[in-house]
């Protein structure tokens, strides 16, 4: 499927997004790139700029690029697949699967053993190692074994902090092989790529991308120079995949489709609960120094690492899931809004040029055009019923209704006699109350068991808040009625 065949429903944001990415080529930051806008239905718009190869064609959504560290989401999904089958436990010591790592000396005598889950969440205590690790892809299993037995260094006690470690994900590749009895590359292809129809994704230049494979480049003396491709090896688990915008749109859609949690069919290579687990914060990420001002709208704040994915908080839109990739000759970035499934992916053929900043701006533009910043909350039916019951109590106190709806703590927190007197006094100040038939618009709801709304009277407004307890059926545990100034 070529770019022209994609449906375009990005609204007015398409031109803005295209301008953001086209500027990377126009400003000389990359020789070429391809990008796409994704929603819960798949790829809605895609385009390319520049050249896939020097003096070559323009890249498009079917051109394969190396996606570098975005590969880690595939490695994490592979571990989660094995965990769901009981072949791996996330709290297992890594040495159970990779004996050479079991012989690694910890940083202190009281350090815990490094577990699978620690490596997944970048909490293994190993140092950040991007430039070195990016040149190790072709390392053989034998060489990797010798590297581990020769000793590795730690920068923190395992399990106590975040440190981005490629070596840790290379070890996870060996865990996958040991637990499955299958080479890492074959496991990813057989258990993820094929079932999901990612036919243009693979670990070498033979990948079946309809528009071919882009050449990677580095800039030297003001000119772009092609970078040689590295061959697959142990470090492919950190960043070895080639893929296209089309395939990554399917990958992003599949991960985003884990939300919201729901009843119904849950088929596929990994259940929704495990995919949701990948997109939760498992290790907090400390802000850079000096820390920027949160909420200034410039960039989302990264709050933590999940499993193979970064979790960020946009000051307006809330939770965004993302990951960049940087490799000799290539840069990439994918991100999606957790609530709506709207996302953006960009692939470039310039060394370490991830496109992260324009991608973040592009997603905000798409969200501003297509989404509502306020997340709607579906109330429990009982919450709506309780709200109506409170409206009834405001208009005429009924002891039987109060007894039916109030949990036992309500009378203990403020005896019902005083509570009734206070409410009747407030109603007297703002009354008579208007529109008794239906409760009006919700002011805020933090969960299905919580709601805040206003009740209008002839001389003022009452703000009401209720929160239901966890019983089944639930009862009102909090009732606050105040006069709005």
Protein backbone atom coordinates (compact mmCIF):
# COMPACT_ATOMS: atom_id res chain seq x y z
CA UNK A 1 0.00 0.00 0.00
CA UNK A 2 1.51 3.33 -1.04
CA UNK A 3 1.10 6.68 0.62
CA UNK A 4 -1.60 7.71 -1.82
CA UNK A 5 -3.82 4.86 -0.66
CA UNK A 6 -4.02 5.95 2.97
CA UNK A 7 -7.21 7.58 4.17
CA UNK A 8 -6.63 11.17 5.29
CA UNK A 9 -8.64 12.17 8.35
CA UNK A 10 -6.07 14.17 10.27
CA UNK A 11 -8.20 17.30 9.94
CA UNK A 12 -6.52 20.66 9.69
CA UNK A 13 -3.48 19.33 11.54
CA UNK A 14 -2.12 17.51 8.45
CA UNK A 15 -0.55 20.62 6.93
CA UNK A 16 1.00 21.64 10.24
CA UNK A 17 2.41 18.15 10.81
CA UNK A 18 3.79 17.99 7.28
CA UNK A 19 5.48 21.36 7.75
CA UNK A 20 7.12 20.21 11.00
CA UNK A 21 8.68 17.16 9.38
CA UNK A 22 9.50 18.78 6.04
CA UNK A 23 11.59 21.33 7.95
CA UNK A 24 13.97 18.55 9.04
CA UNK A 25 14.91 18.03 5.39
CA UNK A 26 14.76 21.68 4.37
CA UNK A 27 17.05 22.66 7.27
CA UNK A 28 19.57 19.96 6.35
CA UNK A 29 19.06 17.88 9.50
CA UNK A 30 18.32 14.67 7.56
CA UNK A 31 18.62 13.50 3.93
CA UNK A 32 15.14 11.98 4.09
CA UNK A 33 12.29 10.80 6.26
CA UNK A 34 8.89 9.18 6.26
CA UNK A 35 6.16 9.82 8.80
CA UNK A 36 2.63 8.82 9.61
CA UNK A 37 -0.39 9.81 11.71
CA UNK A 38 -2.18 6.92 13.42
CA UNK A 39 -5.57 6.48 15.07
CA UNK A 40 -7.40 3.46 16.48
CA UNK A 41 -8.28 2.43 12.93
CA UNK A 42 -4.69 2.44 11.68
CA UNK A 43 -2.63 4.75 9.48
CA UNK A 44 -4.69 7.79 8.49
CA UNK A 45 -2.05 9.91 6.76
CA UNK A 46 1.54 9.39 5.65
CA UNK A 47 4.15 11.25 3.63
CA UNK A 48 7.86 11.39 2.93
CA UNK A 49 10.42 14.09 2.21
CA UNK A 50 13.95 14.16 0.89
CA UNK A 51 15.59 10.98 -0.37
CA UNK A 52 15.73 7.40 0.89
CA UNK A 53 19.17 7.00 -0.69
CA UNK A 54 21.47 9.74 -1.98
CA UNK A 55 20.33 10.65 -5.52
CA UNK A 56 17.47 8.21 -4.97
CA UNK A 57 13.71 8.26 -4.61
CA UNK A 58 11.63 10.02 -2.01
CA UNK A 59 10.85 7.69 0.93
CA UNK A 60 7.26 6.82 1.74
CA UNK A 61 5.25 4.78 4.22
CA UNK A 62 6.44 1.54 2.60
CA UNK A 63 10.18 2.36 2.81
CA UNK A 64 12.08 0.42 5.48
CA UNK A 65 14.41 2.24 7.87
CA UNK A 66 16.34 0.89 10.83
CA UNK A 67 14.19 1.71 13.85
CA UNK A 68 17.01 1.34 16.38
CA UNK A 69 15.90 1.39 20.02
CA UNK A 70 12.22 1.25 19.12
CA UNK A 71 13.14 -2.45 18.74
CA UNK A 72 13.12 -2.61 22.55
CA UNK A 73 9.31 -2.60 22.55
CA UNK A 74 9.43 -5.81 20.49
CA UNK A 75 11.97 -7.33 22.88
CA UNK A 76 9.79 -6.37 25.85
CA UNK A 77 6.67 -7.81 24.19
CA UNK A 78 8.57 -11.06 23.61
CA UNK A 79 9.46 -11.29 27.30
CA UNK A 80 5.86 -10.54 28.24
CA UNK A 81 4.67 -13.27 25.87
CA UNK A 82 6.92 -15.80 27.60
CA UNK A 83 5.82 -14.52 31.01
CA UNK A 84 2.16 -14.97 30.07
CA UNK A 85 2.94 -18.57 29.15
CA UNK A 86 4.79 -19.22 32.41
CA UNK A 87 8.14 -19.73 30.68
CA UNK A 88 9.64 -16.67 32.42
CA UNK A 89 8.89 -14.86 35.67
CA UNK A 90 9.74 -11.17 35.85
CA UNK A 91 11.12 -11.60 39.36
CA UNK A 92 13.42 -14.43 38.28
CA UNK A 93 17.17 -13.75 38.57
CA UNK A 94 18.63 -13.21 35.12
CA UNK A 95 21.32 -15.76 35.93
CA UNK A 96 18.67 -18.49 35.81
CA UNK A 97 18.55 -18.02 32.04
CA UNK A 98 21.97 -16.52 31.27
CA UNK A 99 24.52 -18.33 33.47
CA UNK A 100 27.34 -15.97 32.49
CA UNK A 101 25.35 -13.07 33.97
CA UNK A 102 24.81 -15.04 37.14
CA UNK A 103 28.56 -14.90 37.68
CA UNK A 104 28.64 -11.09 37.42
CA UNK A 105 29.84 -9.50 40.66
CA UNK A 106 27.20 -7.08 42.08
CA UNK A 107 28.22 -3.57 43.15
CA UNK A 108 27.88 -4.35 46.88
CA UNK A 109 27.64 -7.48 48.96
CA UNK A 110 24.09 -6.58 49.99
CA UNK A 111 22.87 -5.97 46.42
CA UNK A 112 19.94 -8.05 45.21
CA UNK A 113 20.27 -10.25 42.18
CA UNK A 114 19.39 -8.54 38.92
CA UNK A 115 15.98 -9.78 37.77
CA UNK A 116 14.30 -9.95 34.39
CA UNK A 117 11.87 -7.23 35.44
CA UNK A 118 14.71 -4.93 36.50
CA UNK A 119 16.28 -5.14 33.04
CA UNK A 120 12.90 -4.62 31.36
CA UNK A 121 12.34 -1.38 33.29
CA UNK A 122 15.94 -0.13 33.00
CA UNK A 123 16.54 -0.65 36.71
CA UNK A 124 19.39 -3.17 36.53
CA UNK A 125 21.98 -0.64 37.73
CA UNK A 126 24.06 -0.91 34.53
CA UNK A 127 25.48 2.32 33.04
CA UNK A 128 24.03 4.16 30.06
CA UNK A 129 25.91 2.89 27.02
CA UNK A 130 24.42 4.18 23.75
CA UNK A 131 27.51 4.96 21.61
CA UNK A 132 29.31 1.76 22.59
CA UNK A 133 26.32 -0.56 22.40
CA UNK A 134 25.15 0.76 19.02
CA UNK A 135 28.37 -0.63 17.50
CA UNK A 136 28.02 -4.11 19.03
CA UNK A 137 25.01 -5.47 17.12
CA UNK A 138 26.85 -8.27 15.31
CA UNK A 139 28.46 -9.69 18.48
CA UNK A 140 28.17 -13.48 18.60
CA UNK A 141 26.79 -15.47 21.53
CA UNK A 142 30.29 -16.71 22.33
CA UNK A 143 31.72 -13.21 22.35
CA UNK A 144 28.82 -12.01 24.47
CA UNK A 145 29.42 -14.80 26.98
CA UNK A 146 33.07 -13.78 27.25
CA UNK A 147 32.03 -10.14 27.73
CA UNK A 148 29.83 -11.07 30.70
CA UNK A 149 32.26 -13.47 32.32
CA UNK A 150 34.96 -10.83 31.97
CA UNK A 151 32.89 -8.66 34.30
CA UNK A 152 30.57 -5.67 33.97
CA UNK A 153 30.30 -2.53 36.07
CA UNK A 154 27.30 -1.05 37.87
CA UNK A 155 26.49 2.61 38.51
CA UNK A 156 23.79 1.90 41.10
CA UNK A 157 22.44 -0.93 43.20
CA UNK A 158 20.10 -3.06 41.06
CA UNK A 159 16.44 -2.17 41.55
CA UNK A 160 17.04 1.29 43.05
CA UNK A 161 16.99 3.67 40.08
CA UNK A 162 16.61 4.25 36.34
CA UNK A 163 19.60 4.03 34.02
CA UNK A 164 19.07 3.42 30.30
CA UNK A 165 20.99 0.24 29.50
CA UNK A 166 21.34 -1.36 26.08
CA UNK A 167 23.46 -4.12 27.56
CA UNK A 168 20.50 -5.01 29.77
CA UNK A 169 18.26 -5.48 26.73
CA UNK A 170 20.93 -7.53 24.97
CA UNK A 171 20.86 -9.81 28.02
CA UNK A 172 17.05 -9.98 27.69
CA UNK A 173 17.53 -11.23 24.14
CA UNK A 174 19.52 -14.14 25.60
CA UNK A 175 16.78 -14.69 28.20
CA UNK A 176 14.26 -15.04 25.36
CA UNK A 177 16.46 -17.62 23.65
CA UNK A 178 17.01 -19.64 26.83
CA UNK A 179 13.35 -19.62 27.88
CA UNK A 180 11.93 -20.38 24.43
CA UNK A 181 14.62 -22.61 22.97
CA UNK A 182 14.44 -20.38 19.87
CA UNK A 183 16.92 -17.83 18.51
CA UNK A 184 15.88 -14.28 19.40
CA UNK A 185 15.36 -13.14 15.81
CA UNK A 186 13.24 -16.18 15.00
CA UNK A 187 11.13 -15.78 18.13
CA UNK A 188 10.27 -12.15 17.32
CA UNK A 189 9.46 -13.02 13.72
CA UNK A 190 7.37 -16.09 14.52
CA UNK A 191 5.54 -14.88 17.62
CA UNK A 192 5.04 -11.17 16.86
CA UNK A 193 5.77 -10.07 13.30
CA UNK A 194 3.91 -12.79 11.43
CA UNK A 195 0.77 -12.90 13.63
CA UNK A 196 0.45 -9.11 13.44
CA UNK A 197 1.00 -8.99 9.67
CA UNK A 198 4.20 -6.93 9.92
CA UNK A 199 5.49 -8.28 6.62
CA UNK A 200 7.87 -5.37 5.97
CA UNK A 201 9.67 -5.68 9.32
CA UNK A 202 12.78 -7.78 9.89
CA UNK A 203 16.38 -7.90 11.03
CA UNK A 204 18.36 -7.37 7.80
CA UNK A 205 18.26 -5.64 4.44
CA UNK A 206 16.36 -8.52 2.85
CA UNK A 207 13.21 -7.24 4.57
CA UNK A 208 10.26 -7.24 2.16
CA UNK A 209 9.54 -3.51 2.12
CA UNK A 210 7.62 -2.55 -1.06
CA UNK A 211 9.61 0.70 -1.46
CA UNK A 212 12.97 -0.78 -0.57
CA UNK A 213 15.37 -0.04 2.26
CA UNK A 214 16.64 3.43 3.06
CA UNK A 215 20.37 3.98 3.40
CA UNK A 216 21.62 5.44 6.65
CA UNK A 217 23.86 8.50 6.68
CA UNK A 218 26.17 10.53 8.87
CA UNK A 219 27.23 14.11 8.23
CA UNK A 220 30.92 14.90 7.83
CA UNK A 221 32.51 18.09 6.46
CA UNK A 222 29.10 19.40 5.48
CA UNK A 223 28.19 16.38 3.36
CA UNK A 224 26.08 13.27 3.91
CA UNK A 225 28.00 9.99 3.82
CA UNK A 226 26.37 6.52 3.66
CA UNK A 227 26.79 4.28 6.72
CA UNK A 228 27.43 0.57 6.35
CA UNK A 229 24.75 -1.78 7.72
CA UNK A 230 25.70 -4.02 10.64
CA UNK A 231 24.71 -7.68 10.58
CA UNK A 232 22.31 -9.28 13.09
CA UNK A 233 23.77 -10.59 16.33
CA UNK A 234 23.21 -10.66 20.07
CA UNK A 235 22.79 -6.88 20.30
CA UNK A 236 19.98 -6.92 17.72
CA UNK A 237 17.65 -7.08 20.74
CA UNK A 238 18.51 -3.45 21.52
CA UNK A 239 17.87 -1.95 18.10
CA UNK A 240 18.28 -4.30 15.14
CA UNK A 241 14.90 -4.14 13.44
CA UNK A 242 14.11 -2.58 10.07
CA UNK A 243 10.52 -1.44 9.60
CA UNK A 244 8.22 0.92 7.72
CA UNK A 245 5.76 3.61 8.74
CA UNK A 246 2.96 1.29 7.61
CA UNK A 247 4.09 -1.60 9.81
CA UNK A 248 4.85 0.60 12.80
CA UNK A 249 1.39 2.12 12.53
CA UNK A 250 0.02 -1.41 12.98
CA UNK A 251 2.39 -2.01 15.91
CA UNK A 252 1.40 1.23 17.63
CA UNK A 253 -2.29 0.56 17.01
CA UNK A 254 -1.95 -2.92 18.53
CA UNK A 255 -0.26 -1.58 21.67
CA UNK A 256 -2.70 1.31 22.02
CA UNK A 257 -5.66 -1.04 21.54
CA UNK A 258 -4.97 -2.47 25.00
CA UNK A 259 -6.82 0.60 26.30
CA UNK A 260 -9.41 0.87 27.59
CA UNK A 261 -9.77 -2.36 29.54
CA UNK A 262 -12.97 -4.09 28.45
CA UNK A 263 -14.87 -7.34 28.11
CA UNK A 264 -14.86 -9.34 24.91
CA UNK A 265 -12.41 -11.15 22.65
CA UNK A 266 -8.77 -10.88 23.69
CA UNK A 267 -6.93 -12.74 20.96
CA UNK A 268 -3.54 -12.20 19.43
CA UNK A 269 0.07 -12.82 20.37
CA UNK A 270 -0.21 -10.98 23.72
CA UNK A 271 -3.25 -10.25 25.85
CA UNK A 272 -4.38 -6.70 26.49
CA UNK A 273 -3.49 -6.85 30.20
CA UNK A 274 0.16 -7.59 29.35
CA UNK A 275 0.23 -4.83 26.74
CA UNK A 276 -1.20 -2.41 29.30
CA UNK A 277 1.51 -3.51 31.72
CA UNK A 278 4.15 -2.54 29.15
CA UNK A 279 2.69 0.98 29.09
CA UNK A 280 2.70 1.59 32.86
CA UNK A 281 5.48 3.29 34.82
CA UNK A 282 7.64 0.60 36.41
CA UNK A 283 10.64 2.80 37.12
CA UNK A 284 10.52 6.57 37.70
CA UNK A 285 12.88 8.69 35.60
CA UNK A 286 14.52 11.62 37.39
CA UNK A 287 14.16 14.94 35.54
CA UNK A 288 17.27 16.30 33.80
CA UNK A 289 19.32 18.90 35.58
CA UNK A 290 18.49 21.71 35.48
CA UNK A 291 14.85 20.69 35.39
CA UNK A 292 12.55 22.65 33.11
CA UNK A 293 9.38 24.24 34.35
CA UNK A 294 6.64 21.60 34.24
CA UNK A 295 3.48 22.58 32.48
CA UNK A 296 5.01 25.21 30.17
CA UNK A 297 3.63 23.31 27.17
CA UNK A 298 6.99 22.97 25.43
CA UNK A 299 7.54 19.24 25.85
CA UNK A 300 5.92 16.41 27.76
CA UNK A 301 7.68 15.42 30.95
CA UNK A 302 9.04 11.88 30.99
CA UNK A 303 7.88 10.37 34.25
CA UNK A 304 9.02 6.81 33.89
CA UNK A 305 9.95 3.74 31.93
CA UNK A 306 7.53 0.90 31.37
CA UNK A 307 8.68 -2.20 29.55
CA UNK A 308 10.43 -1.15 26.34
CA UNK A 309 8.51 2.14 26.34
CA UNK A 310 8.77 5.61 27.89
CA UNK A 311 5.74 7.01 29.73
CA UNK A 312 5.30 10.79 29.57
CA UNK A 313 2.83 13.35 30.88
CA UNK A 314 1.78 16.13 28.54
CA UNK A 315 0.73 19.20 30.56
CA UNK A 316 -2.52 19.47 28.58
CA UNK A 317 -3.30 16.03 27.19
CA UNK A 318 -2.13 13.64 29.89
CA UNK A 319 -0.38 10.32 29.35
CA UNK A 320 1.66 9.74 26.20
CA UNK A 321 3.63 6.57 25.45
CA UNK A 322 6.77 6.98 23.37
CA UNK A 323 10.19 5.68 22.38
CA UNK A 324 13.01 7.04 20.29
CA UNK A 325 15.62 5.18 18.32
CA UNK A 326 19.13 6.26 17.35
CA UNK A 327 21.59 4.10 15.43
CA UNK A 328 24.55 4.64 13.12
CA UNK A 329 22.86 6.19 10.08
CA UNK A 330 19.29 6.32 11.42
CA UNK A 331 16.93 8.00 13.88
CA UNK A 332 13.30 7.28 14.73
CA UNK A 333 10.51 8.16 17.09
CA UNK A 334 7.00 6.89 17.84
CA UNK A 335 4.47 8.24 20.29
CA UNK A 336 0.76 7.85 20.98
CA UNK A 337 -1.83 9.35 23.28
CA UNK A 338 -2.98 6.65 25.68
CA UNK A 339 -6.62 7.73 25.95
CA UNK A 340 -7.43 8.34 22.29
CA UNK A 341 -4.93 6.10 20.49
CA UNK A 342 -3.87 9.02 18.27
CA UNK A 343 -0.19 8.78 17.42
CA UNK A 344 2.70 9.90 15.24
CA UNK A 345 5.73 7.98 13.93
CA UNK A 346 8.74 9.35 12.05
CA UNK A 347 11.69 7.47 10.54
CA UNK A 348 14.83 9.29 9.34
CA UNK A 349 18.02 8.20 7.61
CA UNK A 350 20.43 10.43 9.55
CA UNK A 351 22.57 9.27 12.44
CA UNK A 352 20.82 9.81 15.78
CA UNK A 353 18.32 12.32 14.32
CA UNK A 354 15.26 10.90 16.09
CA UNK A 355 12.72 13.57 15.17
CA UNK A 356 11.49 13.50 18.77
CA UNK A 357 10.85 17.24 19.11
CA UNK A 358 8.81 17.69 15.89
CA UNK A 359 7.00 14.42 16.61
CA UNK A 360 5.90 15.73 20.01
CA UNK A 361 4.69 18.96 18.41
CA UNK A 362 2.98 16.98 15.65
CA UNK A 363 1.05 14.83 18.11
CA UNK A 364 -0.09 17.89 20.04
CA UNK A 365 -1.33 19.40 16.77
CA UNK A 366 -3.27 16.24 15.93
CA UNK A 367 -4.77 16.09 19.41
CA UNK A 368 -5.78 19.75 19.32
CA UNK A 369 -7.55 19.11 16.02
CA UNK A 370 -9.26 15.81 16.81
CA UNK A 371 -9.53 15.27 20.57
CA UNK A 372 -10.99 16.76 23.74
CA UNK A 373 -8.41 17.51 26.46
CA UNK A 374 -10.94 16.54 29.14
CA UNK A 375 -11.07 12.80 29.62
CA UNK A 376 -14.68 11.69 29.94
CA UNK A 377 -15.35 9.34 32.85
CA UNK A 378 -18.09 6.73 32.60
CA UNK A 379 -19.85 6.79 35.97
CA UNK A 380 -21.07 3.65 37.63
CA UNK A 381 -24.86 3.43 37.26
CA UNK A 382 -25.01 3.56 41.06
CA UNK A 383 -23.03 6.83 41.05
CA UNK A 384 -25.63 8.43 38.78
CA UNK A 385 -28.39 7.03 40.99
CA UNK A 386 -26.67 8.30 44.14
CA UNK A 387 -26.34 11.74 42.57
CA UNK A 388 -30.07 11.80 41.87
CA UNK A 389 -30.76 10.60 45.43
CA UNK A 390 -28.69 13.47 46.87
CA UNK A 391 -30.62 15.92 44.68
CA UNK A 392 -33.76 14.52 46.28
CA UNK A 393 -32.36 14.98 49.78
CA UNK A 394 -31.54 18.61 49.02
CA UNK A 395 -35.15 19.23 48.06
CA UNK A 396 -36.62 17.35 50.99
CA UNK A 397 -34.77 15.24 53.54
CA UNK A 398 -35.94 11.63 53.58
CA UNK A 399 -34.46 9.54 56.44
CA UNK A 400 -35.23 6.29 54.61
CA UNK A 401 -33.41 7.46 51.46
CA UNK A 402 -30.47 8.63 53.56
CA UNK A 403 -30.29 5.29 55.34
CA UNK A 404 -30.48 3.42 52.04
CA UNK A 405 -27.64 5.36 50.39
CA UNK A 406 -25.21 6.37 53.15
CA UNK A 407 -22.41 4.04 54.20
CA UNK A 408 -21.97 3.62 57.96
CA UNK A 409 -19.09 6.09 58.17
CA UNK A 410 -21.24 9.03 57.01
CA UNK A 411 -23.13 9.29 60.29
CA UNK A 412 -19.89 8.74 62.26
CA UNK A 413 -18.06 11.47 60.36
CA UNK A 414 -20.89 13.96 60.95
CA UNK A 415 -24.08 12.75 62.61
CA UNK A 416 -27.07 12.82 60.31
CA UNK A 417 -28.93 15.34 62.41
CA UNK A 418 -26.19 17.94 62.07
CA UNK A 419 -25.62 17.02 58.42
CA UNK A 420 -29.32 17.50 57.65
CA UNK A 421 -29.42 20.83 59.46
CA UNK A 422 -26.35 22.10 57.62
CA UNK A 423 -27.74 21.10 54.22
CA UNK A 424 -31.14 22.63 54.94
CA UNK A 425 -29.44 25.86 56.02
CA UNK A 426 -27.44 26.01 52.78
CA UNK A 427 -30.55 25.31 50.70
CA UNK A 428 -32.29 28.12 52.56
CA UNK A 429 -29.49 30.52 51.63
CA UNK A 430 -29.58 29.79 47.87
CA UNK A 431 -33.14 28.51 47.42
CA UNK A 432 -35.57 27.79 46.22
CA UNK A 433 -33.73 25.21 44.10
CA UNK A 434 -34.31 25.29 40.36
CA UNK A 435 -34.88 22.57 37.77
CA UNK A 436 -35.76 19.69 40.08
CA UNK A 437 -36.34 17.19 37.26
CA UNK A 438 -32.78 16.31 36.20
CA UNK A 439 -29.29 16.80 37.68
CA UNK A 440 -27.28 19.12 35.44
CA UNK A 441 -23.81 18.99 33.88
CA UNK A 442 -20.97 17.33 35.77
CA UNK A 443 -18.26 19.71 36.96
CA UNK A 444 -15.66 16.99 37.46
CA UNK A 445 -15.33 13.26 37.92
CA UNK A 446 -12.09 11.62 39.00
CA UNK A 447 -13.33 8.05 38.73
CA UNK A 448 -16.50 6.06 38.05
CA UNK A 449 -17.25 6.28 41.79
CA UNK A 450 -16.89 10.05 42.11
CA UNK A 451 -18.76 13.08 40.83
CA UNK A 452 -18.94 16.83 41.48
CA UNK A 453 -21.84 18.89 40.18
CA UNK A 454 -23.70 22.14 40.83
CA UNK A 455 -27.28 22.64 41.95
CA UNK A 456 -28.68 26.09 41.20
CA UNK A 457 -31.06 28.03 43.36
CA UNK A 458 -32.79 31.36 42.96
CA UNK A 459 -30.10 33.14 45.05
CA UNK A 460 -26.98 31.07 44.50
CA UNK A 461 -25.34 27.77 43.66
CA UNK A 462 -24.57 24.69 45.75
CA UNK A 463 -21.60 22.55 44.83
CA UNK A 464 -22.16 18.88 45.63
CA UNK A 465 -19.58 16.10 45.75
CA UNK A 466 -20.08 12.40 46.42
CA UNK A 467 -17.72 9.46 46.43
CA UNK A 468 -18.94 5.87 46.62
CA UNK A 469 -17.26 3.11 48.60
CA UNK A 470 -15.99 -0.26 47.28
CA UNK A 471 -18.94 -2.33 48.54
CA UNK A 472 -21.14 -4.15 46.06
CA UNK A 473 -23.58 -2.53 45.72
CA UNK A 474 -21.66 0.65 46.57
CA UNK A 475 -22.85 3.28 49.02
CA UNK A 476 -22.07 6.97 49.51
CA UNK A 477 -19.00 7.34 51.74
CA UNK A 478 -18.42 11.06 51.13
CA UNK A 479 -21.04 13.79 50.83
CA UNK A 480 -19.95 17.42 50.72
CA UNK A 481 -22.33 20.30 50.02
CA UNK A 482 -20.93 23.84 49.95
CA UNK A 483 -22.14 27.21 48.70
CA UNK A 484 -20.31 28.59 45.70
CA UNK A 485 -19.04 32.13 46.24
